[in-house]
Amino acid sequence: MSLERSVLWQIRETAGFESAWANLDGRRLRADGTVAGQLPEPYRLSYRLDTDDEAATTRLEVVCHLRDRTLTLDLRRGGTEWTVNGTARPDLSEALDCDLACSPMTNTMPVLRHDLHRQPGSHRFTMAFVELPTLRVVPSRQQYTHLGPDEGGVRVRYESGTFRSDLLFDRDGLVIDYPHLARRVEPIDSVTADERSSGAGSVRPGSQ
């Protein structure tokens, strides 16, 4: 069954945000997102992510706008072969996933593929890691480990080098909380239509 989700994260590490539409069909993921950040320098980007039916990346397209220039990335995988803007990258041959820096969306694929948001397990990965805002692509060794249920979701430990963080995922494999990096922004259910219409700057046509 296909599921479409709209997600919004506050990204603490970049003093910015990420907004995306995610379409989940089994383990197949398609996502269209917009990111804005202020650190390490101001940037704004859009991305399109596609995976196969095992949540392995097939393509990531990124357009990144900086103050004085625009950068583009076309990252593709076919089997064990990766290309970056059309150039072969044999150093990425062990990777199945891309990892866009500071993007909670790209933490979904390894978790989804191994059901780590639903069952025990621990897996090591090589990622095609995309640095921001340069869009430079480098291999990155990472590990994900199921820790168990926690309030509001399931904890999965992420490790890369000496860095470790226990992420909270929802039932669909999307990040709720990434300590020290990002947290999802949820709608405020307690605000009524009357409260919204009477709020500052919220005058609606015909309300006066």
N, C-alpha and C. Protein backbone atom coordinates (compact mmCIF):
# COMPACT_ATOMS: atom_id res chain seq x y z
N MET A 1 0.84 -1.20 0.00
CA MET A 1 0.00 0.00 0.00
C MET A 1 0.88 1.25 0.00
N SER A 2 0.56 2.18 -0.88
CA SER A 2 1.33 3.41 -0.99
C SER A 2 0.86 4.42 0.06
N LEU A 3 1.82 5.08 0.68
CA LEU A 3 1.54 6.05 1.73
C LEU A 3 2.28 7.34 1.43
N GLU A 4 1.57 8.47 1.45
CA GLU A 4 2.22 9.75 1.22
C GLU A 4 2.21 10.56 2.51
N ARG A 5 3.38 11.09 2.87
CA ARG A 5 3.53 11.84 4.11
C ARG A 5 4.18 13.19 3.83
N SER A 6 3.71 14.21 4.53
CA SER A 6 4.37 15.51 4.54
C SER A 6 5.09 15.64 5.88
N VAL A 7 6.40 15.93 5.83
CA VAL A 7 7.18 16.03 7.06
C VAL A 7 7.98 17.33 7.07
N LEU A 8 8.16 17.86 8.27
CA LEU A 8 8.92 19.10 8.46
C LEU A 8 9.82 18.90 9.67
N TRP A 9 11.12 19.17 9.48
CA TRP A 9 12.06 19.08 10.58
C TRP A 9 12.75 20.42 10.82
N GLN A 10 12.95 20.75 12.08
CA GLN A 10 13.84 21.83 12.45
C GLN A 10 15.24 21.24 12.54
N ILE A 11 16.19 21.82 11.80
CA ILE A 11 17.56 21.29 11.77
C ILE A 11 18.44 22.18 12.64
N ARG A 12 18.75 21.71 13.83
CA ARG A 12 19.51 22.53 14.78
C ARG A 12 20.94 22.77 14.31
N GLU A 13 21.56 21.74 13.73
CA GLU A 13 22.99 21.84 13.38
C GLU A 13 23.26 22.92 12.34
N THR A 14 22.29 23.18 11.46
CA THR A 14 22.48 24.19 10.41
C THR A 14 21.67 25.45 10.67
N ALA A 15 20.96 25.51 11.80
CA ALA A 15 20.04 26.63 12.09
C ALA A 15 19.07 26.81 10.93
N GLY A 16 18.45 25.69 10.52
CA GLY A 16 17.57 25.74 9.36
C GLY A 16 16.41 24.77 9.48
N PHE A 17 15.93 24.29 8.33
CA PHE A 17 14.80 23.38 8.31
C PHE A 17 14.86 22.49 7.09
N GLU A 18 14.08 21.42 7.12
CA GLU A 18 13.87 20.55 5.95
C GLU A 18 12.39 20.24 5.86
N SER A 19 11.83 20.42 4.68
CA SER A 19 10.43 20.10 4.42
C SER A 19 10.38 19.16 3.23
N ALA A 20 9.58 18.09 3.36
CA ALA A 20 9.57 17.09 2.28
C ALA A 20 8.23 16.40 2.18
N TRP A 21 7.92 15.96 0.96
CA TRP A 21 6.85 15.01 0.71
C TRP A 21 7.52 13.66 0.50
N ALA A 22 7.07 12.67 1.25
CA ALA A 22 7.63 11.32 1.13
C ALA A 22 6.54 10.36 0.71
N ASN A 23 6.81 9.58 -0.33
CA ASN A 23 5.90 8.54 -0.77
C ASN A 23 6.54 7.20 -0.49
N LEU A 24 5.88 6.40 0.36
CA LEU A 24 6.37 5.09 0.74
C LEU A 24 5.46 4.01 0.16
N ASP A 25 6.05 3.12 -0.61
CA ASP A 25 5.30 2.01 -1.22
C ASP A 25 6.06 0.74 -0.89
N GLY A 26 5.67 0.05 0.19
CA GLY A 26 6.49 -1.04 0.70
C GLY A 26 7.80 -0.46 1.20
N ARG A 27 8.92 -0.94 0.65
CA ARG A 27 10.22 -0.38 1.00
C ARG A 27 10.70 0.65 -0.02
N ARG A 28 9.92 0.88 -1.04
CA ARG A 28 10.30 1.88 -2.05
C ARG A 28 9.98 3.28 -1.53
N LEU A 29 10.95 4.18 -1.64
CA LEU A 29 10.80 5.55 -1.15
C LEU A 29 11.06 6.53 -2.28
N ARG A 30 10.17 7.51 -2.39
CA ARG A 30 10.38 8.65 -3.28
C ARG A 30 10.13 9.90 -2.44
N ALA A 31 11.06 10.83 -2.47
CA ALA A 31 10.93 12.03 -1.65
C ALA A 31 11.34 13.27 -2.42
N ASP A 32 10.56 14.33 -2.25
CA ASP A 32 10.89 15.64 -2.80
C ASP A 32 11.00 16.60 -1.63
N GLY A 33 12.15 17.26 -1.49
CA GLY A 33 12.37 18.08 -0.32
C GLY A 33 12.98 19.43 -0.62
N THR A 34 12.83 20.31 0.35
CA THR A 34 13.44 21.64 0.33
C THR A 34 14.16 21.85 1.64
N VAL A 35 15.37 22.35 1.57
CA VAL A 35 16.20 22.55 2.75
C VAL A 35 16.74 23.98 2.74
N ALA A 36 16.75 24.62 3.90
CA ALA A 36 17.40 25.92 4.06
C ALA A 36 18.25 25.88 5.31
N GLY A 37 19.45 26.41 5.23
CA GLY A 37 20.35 26.44 6.38
C GLY A 37 21.14 27.73 6.42
N GLN A 38 21.65 28.03 7.61
CA GLN A 38 22.46 29.23 7.79
C GLN A 38 23.91 28.91 8.15
N LEU A 39 24.18 27.64 8.49
CA LEU A 39 25.52 27.21 8.87
C LEU A 39 25.94 26.01 8.02
N PRO A 40 27.19 25.91 7.59
CA PRO A 40 28.31 26.80 7.87
C PRO A 40 28.27 28.12 7.10
N GLU A 41 27.35 28.22 6.12
CA GLU A 41 27.07 29.46 5.40
C GLU A 41 25.65 29.36 4.89
N PRO A 42 25.02 30.50 4.58
CA PRO A 42 23.62 30.44 4.13
C PRO A 42 23.49 29.65 2.81
N TYR A 43 22.49 28.77 2.75
CA TYR A 43 22.22 28.02 1.53
C TYR A 43 20.75 27.60 1.51
N ARG A 44 20.29 27.30 0.31
CA ARG A 44 18.95 26.78 0.11
C ARG A 44 19.03 25.74 -1.00
N LEU A 45 18.40 24.57 -0.77
CA LEU A 45 18.49 23.54 -1.79
C LEU A 45 17.17 22.80 -1.93
N SER A 46 17.03 22.15 -3.07
CA SER A 46 15.92 21.24 -3.32
C SER A 46 16.51 19.89 -3.72
N TYR A 47 15.80 18.81 -3.38
CA TYR A 47 16.30 17.48 -3.76
C TYR A 47 15.14 16.58 -4.19
N ARG A 48 15.51 15.58 -4.97
CA ARG A 48 14.60 14.52 -5.37
C ARG A 48 15.32 13.20 -5.14
N LEU A 49 14.72 12.32 -4.35
CA LEU A 49 15.32 11.05 -3.99
C LEU A 49 14.45 9.91 -4.47
N ASP A 50 15.05 8.91 -5.10
CA ASP A 50 14.34 7.71 -5.54
C ASP A 50 15.12 6.48 -5.09
N THR A 51 14.38 5.44 -4.64
CA THR A 51 15.01 4.17 -4.30
C THR A 51 14.32 3.04 -5.08
N ASP A 52 14.94 1.85 -5.01
CA ASP A 52 14.29 0.66 -5.57
C ASP A 52 13.37 0.05 -4.52
N ASP A 53 12.86 -1.14 -4.78
CA ASP A 53 11.88 -1.73 -3.87
C ASP A 53 12.51 -2.37 -2.63
N GLU A 54 13.83 -2.21 -2.46
CA GLU A 54 14.51 -2.61 -1.23
C GLU A 54 15.12 -1.40 -0.52
N ALA A 55 14.58 -0.22 -0.82
CA ALA A 55 15.01 1.03 -0.18
C ALA A 55 16.46 1.39 -0.47
N ALA A 56 17.03 0.87 -1.56
CA ALA A 56 18.39 1.22 -1.96
C ALA A 56 18.32 2.36 -2.97
N THR A 57 19.16 3.35 -2.80
CA THR A 57 19.14 4.53 -3.64
C THR A 57 19.35 4.19 -5.11
N THR A 58 18.53 4.75 -5.96
CA THR A 58 18.79 4.68 -7.40
C THR A 58 19.22 6.04 -7.93
N ARG A 59 18.69 7.14 -7.33
CA ARG A 59 19.08 8.46 -7.80
C ARG A 59 18.81 9.52 -6.73
N LEU A 60 19.72 10.46 -6.61
CA LEU A 60 19.53 11.66 -5.80
C LEU A 60 19.93 12.86 -6.64
N GLU A 61 18.98 13.77 -6.84
CA GLU A 61 19.25 15.01 -7.57
C GLU A 61 19.14 16.18 -6.60
N VAL A 62 20.15 17.05 -6.61
CA VAL A 62 20.18 18.18 -5.69
C VAL A 62 20.56 19.44 -6.45
N VAL A 63 19.86 20.53 -6.15
CA VAL A 63 20.24 21.87 -6.64
C VAL A 63 20.41 22.74 -5.40
N CYS A 64 21.61 23.29 -5.22
CA CYS A 64 21.93 24.05 -4.02
C CYS A 64 22.30 25.48 -4.39
N HIS A 65 21.57 26.44 -3.83
CA HIS A 65 21.81 27.86 -4.09
C HIS A 65 22.59 28.48 -2.94
N LEU A 66 23.76 29.02 -3.25
CA LEU A 66 24.57 29.75 -2.29
C LEU A 66 24.50 31.24 -2.62
N ARG A 67 25.17 32.04 -1.82
CA ARG A 67 25.09 33.49 -2.01
C ARG A 67 25.54 33.92 -3.41
N ASP A 68 26.61 33.29 -3.93
CA ASP A 68 27.19 33.76 -5.18
C ASP A 68 27.27 32.71 -6.26
N ARG A 69 26.64 31.54 -6.02
CA ARG A 69 26.72 30.49 -7.05
C ARG A 69 25.66 29.43 -6.78
N THR A 70 25.41 28.60 -7.82
CA THR A 70 24.48 27.48 -7.72
C THR A 70 25.21 26.20 -8.07
N LEU A 71 25.06 25.18 -7.22
CA LEU A 71 25.70 23.90 -7.43
C LEU A 71 24.65 22.83 -7.71
N THR A 72 24.99 21.85 -8.51
CA THR A 72 24.05 20.77 -8.82
C THR A 72 24.74 19.42 -8.63
N LEU A 73 23.92 18.42 -8.29
CA LEU A 73 24.41 17.06 -8.11
C LEU A 73 23.42 16.09 -8.74
N ASP A 74 23.93 15.17 -9.54
CA ASP A 74 23.15 14.06 -10.08
C ASP A 74 23.88 12.78 -9.69
N LEU A 75 23.41 12.16 -8.60
CA LEU A 75 24.03 10.97 -8.04
C LEU A 75 23.18 9.76 -8.40
N ARG A 76 23.79 8.77 -9.06
CA ARG A 76 23.03 7.61 -9.52
C ARG A 76 23.73 6.31 -9.16
N ARG A 77 22.89 5.28 -8.88
CA ARG A 77 23.41 3.95 -8.62
C ARG A 77 22.70 2.93 -9.49
N GLY A 78 23.50 2.05 -10.10
CA GLY A 78 22.97 0.91 -10.84
C GLY A 78 23.78 -0.31 -10.45
N GLY A 79 23.20 -1.21 -9.64
CA GLY A 79 23.97 -2.34 -9.12
C GLY A 79 25.05 -1.84 -8.17
N THR A 80 26.30 -2.15 -8.46
CA THR A 80 27.41 -1.67 -7.63
C THR A 80 28.09 -0.45 -8.25
N GLU A 81 27.55 0.08 -9.33
CA GLU A 81 28.18 1.21 -10.02
C GLU A 81 27.47 2.51 -9.68
N TRP A 82 28.25 3.47 -9.23
CA TRP A 82 27.76 4.82 -8.94
C TRP A 82 28.38 5.82 -9.89
N THR A 83 27.61 6.85 -10.21
CA THR A 83 28.15 7.99 -10.96
C THR A 83 27.79 9.27 -10.22
N VAL A 84 28.67 10.24 -10.30
CA VAL A 84 28.45 11.58 -9.75
C VAL A 84 28.56 12.55 -10.91
N ASN A 85 27.42 13.13 -11.28
CA ASN A 85 27.37 14.03 -12.44
C ASN A 85 27.99 13.37 -13.67
N GLY A 86 27.67 12.07 -13.83
CA GLY A 86 28.10 11.34 -15.01
C GLY A 86 29.47 10.70 -14.92
N THR A 87 30.22 10.96 -13.85
CA THR A 87 31.56 10.42 -13.68
C THR A 87 31.52 9.19 -12.77
N ALA A 88 32.12 8.09 -13.21
CA ALA A 88 32.11 6.86 -12.44
C ALA A 88 32.84 7.05 -11.11
N ARG A 89 32.27 6.43 -10.06
CA ARG A 89 32.88 6.52 -8.72
C ARG A 89 33.02 5.11 -8.13
N PRO A 90 34.07 4.39 -8.52
CA PRO A 90 34.27 3.03 -8.01
C PRO A 90 34.49 2.97 -6.50
N ASP A 91 34.89 4.08 -5.88
CA ASP A 91 35.10 4.09 -4.43
C ASP A 91 33.79 3.97 -3.66
N LEU A 92 32.65 4.10 -4.36
CA LEU A 92 31.34 3.99 -3.72
C LEU A 92 30.70 2.63 -3.96
N SER A 93 31.43 1.68 -4.53
CA SER A 93 30.83 0.43 -5.01
C SER A 93 30.17 -0.39 -3.90
N GLU A 94 30.60 -0.24 -2.65
CA GLU A 94 30.01 -1.01 -1.56
C GLU A 94 28.72 -0.38 -1.03
N ALA A 95 28.41 0.82 -1.47
CA ALA A 95 27.26 1.55 -0.92
C ALA A 95 25.96 1.15 -1.60
N LEU A 96 24.89 1.14 -0.82
CA LEU A 96 23.53 1.01 -1.34
C LEU A 96 22.73 2.29 -1.15
N ASP A 97 23.18 3.12 -0.22
CA ASP A 97 22.40 4.30 0.16
C ASP A 97 23.21 5.58 -0.04
N CYS A 98 22.47 6.67 -0.30
CA CYS A 98 23.04 7.99 -0.20
C CYS A 98 22.75 8.52 1.21
N ASP A 99 23.48 9.54 1.62
CA ASP A 99 23.25 10.18 2.91
C ASP A 99 23.52 11.67 2.71
N LEU A 100 22.44 12.44 2.62
CA LEU A 100 22.56 13.88 2.47
C LEU A 100 22.80 14.49 3.84
N ALA A 101 23.91 15.19 4.00
CA ALA A 101 24.30 15.72 5.31
C ALA A 101 23.16 16.51 5.95
N CYS A 102 22.95 16.26 7.24
CA CYS A 102 21.96 16.97 8.06
C CYS A 102 20.53 16.80 7.56
N SER A 103 20.27 15.74 6.78
CA SER A 103 18.93 15.47 6.28
C SER A 103 18.36 14.23 6.95
N PRO A 104 17.38 14.37 7.84
CA PRO A 104 16.76 13.19 8.47
C PRO A 104 16.11 12.25 7.47
N MET A 105 15.70 12.76 6.31
CA MET A 105 15.06 11.90 5.32
C MET A 105 15.96 10.74 4.92
N THR A 106 17.26 11.00 4.76
CA THR A 106 18.15 9.95 4.26
C THR A 106 18.62 8.99 5.36
N ASN A 107 18.10 9.14 6.58
CA ASN A 107 18.30 8.11 7.60
C ASN A 107 17.27 6.99 7.47
N THR A 108 16.25 7.21 6.65
CA THR A 108 15.16 6.24 6.54
C THR A 108 15.57 4.96 5.83
N MET A 109 16.38 5.06 4.76
CA MET A 109 16.58 3.89 3.89
C MET A 109 17.18 2.68 4.59
N PRO A 110 18.31 2.81 5.32
CA PRO A 110 18.86 1.60 5.96
C PRO A 110 17.95 1.03 7.03
N VAL A 111 17.21 1.89 7.73
CA VAL A 111 16.27 1.44 8.76
C VAL A 111 15.10 0.69 8.12
N LEU A 112 14.56 1.26 7.04
CA LEU A 112 13.43 0.65 6.35
C LEU A 112 13.81 -0.70 5.75
N ARG A 113 14.98 -0.79 5.13
CA ARG A 113 15.39 -2.01 4.44
C ARG A 113 15.52 -3.19 5.40
N HIS A 114 15.97 -2.93 6.64
CA HIS A 114 16.20 -4.01 7.60
C HIS A 114 15.16 -4.01 8.73
N ASP A 115 14.08 -3.23 8.55
CA ASP A 115 13.00 -3.19 9.56
C ASP A 115 13.52 -2.88 10.96
N LEU A 116 14.53 -2.01 11.05
CA LEU A 116 15.12 -1.71 12.35
C LEU A 116 14.21 -0.87 13.23
N HIS A 117 13.14 -0.31 12.64
CA HIS A 117 12.15 0.42 13.44
C HIS A 117 11.08 -0.53 13.97
N ARG A 118 11.22 -1.84 13.67
CA ARG A 118 10.21 -2.83 14.09
C ARG A 118 10.79 -4.05 14.79
N GLN A 119 12.06 -4.36 14.55
CA GLN A 119 12.62 -5.59 15.10
C GLN A 119 14.11 -5.42 15.40
N PRO A 120 14.64 -6.28 16.29
CA PRO A 120 16.06 -6.19 16.64
C PRO A 120 16.97 -6.43 15.44
N GLY A 121 18.15 -5.84 15.51
CA GLY A 121 19.15 -6.03 14.47
C GLY A 121 20.20 -4.95 14.56
N SER A 122 21.34 -5.24 13.95
CA SER A 122 22.43 -4.27 13.87
C SER A 122 23.16 -4.49 12.56
N HIS A 123 23.35 -3.43 11.78
CA HIS A 123 23.93 -3.57 10.45
C HIS A 123 24.92 -2.44 10.17
N ARG A 124 26.01 -2.81 9.49
CA ARG A 124 27.02 -1.84 9.05
C ARG A 124 26.79 -1.50 7.59
N PHE A 125 27.07 -0.26 7.24
CA PHE A 125 26.81 0.21 5.88
C PHE A 125 27.97 1.10 5.41
N THR A 126 28.10 1.14 4.08
CA THR A 126 28.87 2.21 3.44
C THR A 126 27.87 3.11 2.75
N MET A 127 27.98 4.41 2.99
CA MET A 127 27.07 5.39 2.41
C MET A 127 27.79 6.28 1.40
N ALA A 128 27.05 6.71 0.39
CA ALA A 128 27.52 7.78 -0.49
C ALA A 128 27.11 9.09 0.18
N PHE A 129 28.01 9.65 0.97
CA PHE A 129 27.71 10.79 1.83
C PHE A 129 27.90 12.09 1.06
N VAL A 130 26.86 12.94 1.07
CA VAL A 130 26.88 14.21 0.34
C VAL A 130 27.11 15.35 1.33
N GLU A 131 28.27 16.00 1.22
CA GLU A 131 28.60 17.10 2.11
C GLU A 131 27.84 18.36 1.71
N LEU A 132 27.50 19.16 2.72
CA LEU A 132 26.82 20.44 2.48
C LEU A 132 27.64 21.58 3.03
N PRO A 133 27.63 22.72 2.29
CA PRO A 133 26.85 22.95 1.06
C PRO A 133 27.60 22.65 -0.23
N THR A 134 28.77 22.00 -0.16
CA THR A 134 29.61 21.82 -1.36
C THR A 134 29.07 20.77 -2.32
N LEU A 135 28.23 19.82 -1.83
CA LEU A 135 27.72 18.67 -2.60
C LEU A 135 28.83 17.69 -2.98
N ARG A 136 29.96 17.75 -2.30
CA ARG A 136 31.01 16.76 -2.52
C ARG A 136 30.54 15.42 -1.99
N VAL A 137 30.79 14.33 -2.73
CA VAL A 137 30.34 12.99 -2.36
C VAL A 137 31.54 12.15 -1.94
N VAL A 138 31.46 11.57 -0.74
CA VAL A 138 32.54 10.74 -0.21
C VAL A 138 31.95 9.48 0.42
N PRO A 139 32.69 8.36 0.45
CA PRO A 139 32.19 7.17 1.15
C PRO A 139 32.22 7.38 2.66
N SER A 140 31.23 6.84 3.37
CA SER A 140 31.13 6.99 4.81
C SER A 140 30.69 5.67 5.43
N ARG A 141 31.44 5.18 6.43
CA ARG A 141 31.09 3.95 7.15
C ARG A 141 30.14 4.30 8.30
N GLN A 142 29.03 3.58 8.38
CA GLN A 142 28.04 3.85 9.41
C GLN A 142 27.46 2.54 9.94
N GLN A 143 26.85 2.63 11.12
CA GLN A 143 26.18 1.47 11.71
C GLN A 143 24.86 1.90 12.34
N TYR A 144 23.82 1.08 12.13
CA TYR A 144 22.50 1.31 12.73
C TYR A 144 22.14 0.10 13.58
N THR A 145 21.65 0.35 14.81
CA THR A 145 21.32 -0.72 15.74
C THR A 145 19.97 -0.45 16.40
N HIS A 146 19.04 -1.41 16.30
CA HIS A 146 17.74 -1.32 16.96
C HIS A 146 17.93 -1.37 18.47
N LEU A 147 17.36 -0.38 19.20
CA LEU A 147 17.47 -0.34 20.65
C LEU A 147 16.17 -0.72 21.34
N GLY A 148 15.02 -0.51 20.70
CA GLY A 148 13.75 -0.87 21.29
C GLY A 148 12.79 0.30 21.39
N PRO A 149 11.57 0.03 21.85
CA PRO A 149 10.53 1.07 21.93
C PRO A 149 10.92 2.17 22.92
N ASP A 150 10.48 3.37 22.60
CA ASP A 150 10.61 4.52 23.48
C ASP A 150 9.34 5.34 23.31
N GLU A 151 9.13 6.30 24.16
CA GLU A 151 7.91 7.08 24.11
C GLU A 151 7.73 7.72 22.74
N GLY A 152 6.65 7.37 22.06
CA GLY A 152 6.34 7.96 20.77
C GLY A 152 6.93 7.26 19.58
N GLY A 153 7.75 6.21 19.79
CA GLY A 153 8.36 5.56 18.64
C GLY A 153 9.34 4.48 19.05
N VAL A 154 10.38 4.30 18.22
CA VAL A 154 11.41 3.29 18.45
C VAL A 154 12.78 3.93 18.30
N ARG A 155 13.69 3.61 19.21
CA ARG A 155 15.04 4.14 19.15
C ARG A 155 15.95 3.24 18.32
N VAL A 156 16.72 3.88 17.45
CA VAL A 156 17.73 3.21 16.64
C VAL A 156 19.03 3.99 16.80
N ARG A 157 20.09 3.30 17.18
CA ARG A 157 21.39 3.98 17.37
C ARG A 157 22.11 4.12 16.04
N TYR A 158 22.58 5.35 15.80
CA TYR A 158 23.40 5.65 14.61
C TYR A 158 24.83 5.89 15.08
N GLU A 159 25.79 5.25 14.38
CA GLU A 159 27.20 5.45 14.70
C GLU A 159 28.00 5.65 13.42
N SER A 160 28.92 6.62 13.48
CA SER A 160 29.85 6.85 12.38
C SER A 160 31.13 7.41 12.98
N GLY A 161 32.22 6.65 12.86
CA GLY A 161 33.45 7.05 13.52
C GLY A 161 33.25 7.10 15.02
N THR A 162 33.59 8.23 15.64
CA THR A 162 33.41 8.39 17.09
C THR A 162 32.05 9.00 17.44
N PHE A 163 31.24 9.33 16.42
CA PHE A 163 29.94 9.95 16.67
C PHE A 163 28.87 8.89 16.90
N ARG A 164 27.99 9.16 17.89
CA ARG A 164 26.89 8.25 18.20
C ARG A 164 25.67 9.07 18.59
N SER A 165 24.49 8.64 18.09
CA SER A 165 23.25 9.30 18.47
C SER A 165 22.11 8.28 18.40
N ASP A 166 21.19 8.35 19.36
CA ASP A 166 20.05 7.43 19.41
C ASP A 166 18.81 8.11 18.84
N LEU A 167 18.50 7.78 17.59
CA LEU A 167 17.41 8.42 16.86
C LEU A 167 16.08 7.79 17.23
N LEU A 168 15.02 8.61 17.20
CA LEU A 168 13.66 8.12 17.42
C LEU A 168 12.94 8.10 16.08
N PHE A 169 12.42 6.92 15.70
CA PHE A 169 11.72 6.73 14.43
C PHE A 169 10.25 6.43 14.70
N ASP A 170 9.38 6.81 13.73
CA ASP A 170 7.96 6.46 13.83
C ASP A 170 7.71 5.11 13.16
N ARG A 171 6.45 4.69 13.10
CA ARG A 171 6.10 3.37 12.57
C ARG A 171 6.38 3.23 11.08
N ASP A 172 6.54 4.36 10.36
CA ASP A 172 6.82 4.31 8.92
C ASP A 172 8.31 4.38 8.62
N GLY A 173 9.15 4.50 9.65
CA GLY A 173 10.59 4.57 9.45
C GLY A 173 11.10 5.97 9.19
N LEU A 174 10.33 6.99 9.56
CA LEU A 174 10.74 8.38 9.41
C LEU A 174 11.19 8.94 10.76
N VAL A 175 12.22 9.77 10.73
CA VAL A 175 12.80 10.31 11.97
C VAL A 175 11.84 11.27 12.66
N ILE A 176 11.66 11.06 13.97
CA ILE A 176 10.95 12.01 14.82
C ILE A 176 11.95 12.93 15.50
N ASP A 177 13.00 12.33 16.07
CA ASP A 177 14.00 13.10 16.81
C ASP A 177 15.39 12.56 16.52
N TYR A 178 16.30 13.47 16.20
CA TYR A 178 17.71 13.14 15.99
C TYR A 178 18.47 14.02 16.96
N PRO A 179 18.75 13.51 18.17
CA PRO A 179 19.34 14.36 19.20
C PRO A 179 20.54 15.16 18.73
N HIS A 180 20.52 16.44 19.07
CA HIS A 180 21.57 17.41 18.74
C HIS A 180 21.59 17.83 17.28
N LEU A 181 20.78 17.20 16.44
CA LEU A 181 20.78 17.59 15.02
C LEU A 181 19.43 18.09 14.54
N ALA A 182 18.35 17.34 14.80
CA ALA A 182 17.06 17.71 14.19
C ALA A 182 15.91 17.16 15.01
N ARG A 183 14.76 17.82 14.89
CA ARG A 183 13.53 17.32 15.49
C ARG A 183 12.36 17.67 14.58
N ARG A 184 11.44 16.72 14.45
CA ARG A 184 10.29 16.94 13.59
C ARG A 184 9.34 17.95 14.23
N VAL A 185 8.76 18.79 13.39
CA VAL A 185 7.78 19.77 13.83
C VAL A 185 6.40 19.19 13.54
N GLU A 186 5.60 19.04 14.58
CA GLU A 186 4.27 18.46 14.45
C GLU A 186 3.20 19.54 14.47
N PRO A 187 2.06 19.32 13.78
CA PRO A 187 0.95 20.28 13.86
C PRO A 187 0.46 20.40 15.30
N ILE A 188 0.02 21.59 15.66
CA ILE A 188 -0.50 21.82 17.00
C ILE A 188 -2.00 21.55 16.98
N ASP A 189 -2.37 20.34 17.41
CA ASP A 189 -3.77 19.93 17.33
C ASP A 189 -4.70 20.74 18.23
N SER A 190 -4.13 21.35 19.29
CA SER A 190 -4.97 22.04 20.26
C SER A 190 -5.42 23.42 19.79
N VAL A 191 -4.87 23.92 18.68
CA VAL A 191 -5.28 25.22 18.17
C VAL A 191 -6.53 25.05 17.32
N THR A 192 -7.61 25.68 17.70
CA THR A 192 -8.87 25.54 16.99
C THR A 192 -8.93 26.48 15.80
N ALA A 193 -9.90 26.25 14.91
CA ALA A 193 -10.10 27.13 13.76
C ALA A 193 -10.40 28.55 14.22
N ASP A 194 -11.21 28.69 15.29
CA ASP A 194 -11.54 30.03 15.79
C ASP A 194 -10.29 30.74 16.31
N GLU A 195 -9.42 29.99 17.00
CA GLU A 195 -8.20 30.60 17.51
C GLU A 195 -7.28 31.03 16.38
N ARG A 196 -7.19 30.21 15.33
CA ARG A 196 -6.35 30.59 14.20
C ARG A 196 -6.90 31.83 13.51
N SER A 197 -8.22 31.91 13.34
CA SER A 197 -8.81 33.04 12.62
C SER A 197 -8.71 34.33 13.40
N SER A 198 -8.58 34.23 14.73
CA SER A 198 -8.53 35.45 15.54
C SER A 198 -7.10 35.83 15.91
N GLY A 199 -6.13 35.03 15.46
CA GLY A 199 -4.74 35.31 15.80
C GLY A 199 -4.20 36.49 15.02
N ALA A 200 -3.08 37.04 15.52
CA ALA A 200 -2.47 38.20 14.86
C ALA A 200 -2.08 37.84 13.43
N GLY A 201 -2.46 38.72 12.49
CA GLY A 201 -2.12 38.49 11.08
C GLY A 201 -2.95 37.41 10.43
N SER A 202 -4.05 36.99 11.06
CA SER A 202 -4.83 35.87 10.55
C SER A 202 -6.21 36.25 10.11
N VAL A 203 -6.43 37.53 9.82
CA VAL A 203 -7.76 37.98 9.39
C VAL A 203 -8.09 37.35 8.06
N ARG A 204 -9.27 36.75 7.97
CA ARG A 204 -9.72 36.10 6.75
C ARG A 204 -10.71 37.01 6.00
N PRO A 205 -10.78 36.86 4.68
CA PRO A 205 -11.76 37.64 3.93
C PRO A 205 -13.16 37.44 4.49
N GLY A 206 -13.88 38.54 4.67
CA GLY A 206 -15.25 38.49 5.17
C GLY A 206 -15.36 38.39 6.66
N SER A 207 -14.19 38.39 7.38
CA SER A 207 -14.26 38.26 8.84
C SER A 207 -14.44 39.58 9.54
N GLN A 208 -14.39 40.68 8.80
CA GLN A 208 -14.57 41.98 9.41
C GLN A 208 -15.89 42.59 9.02
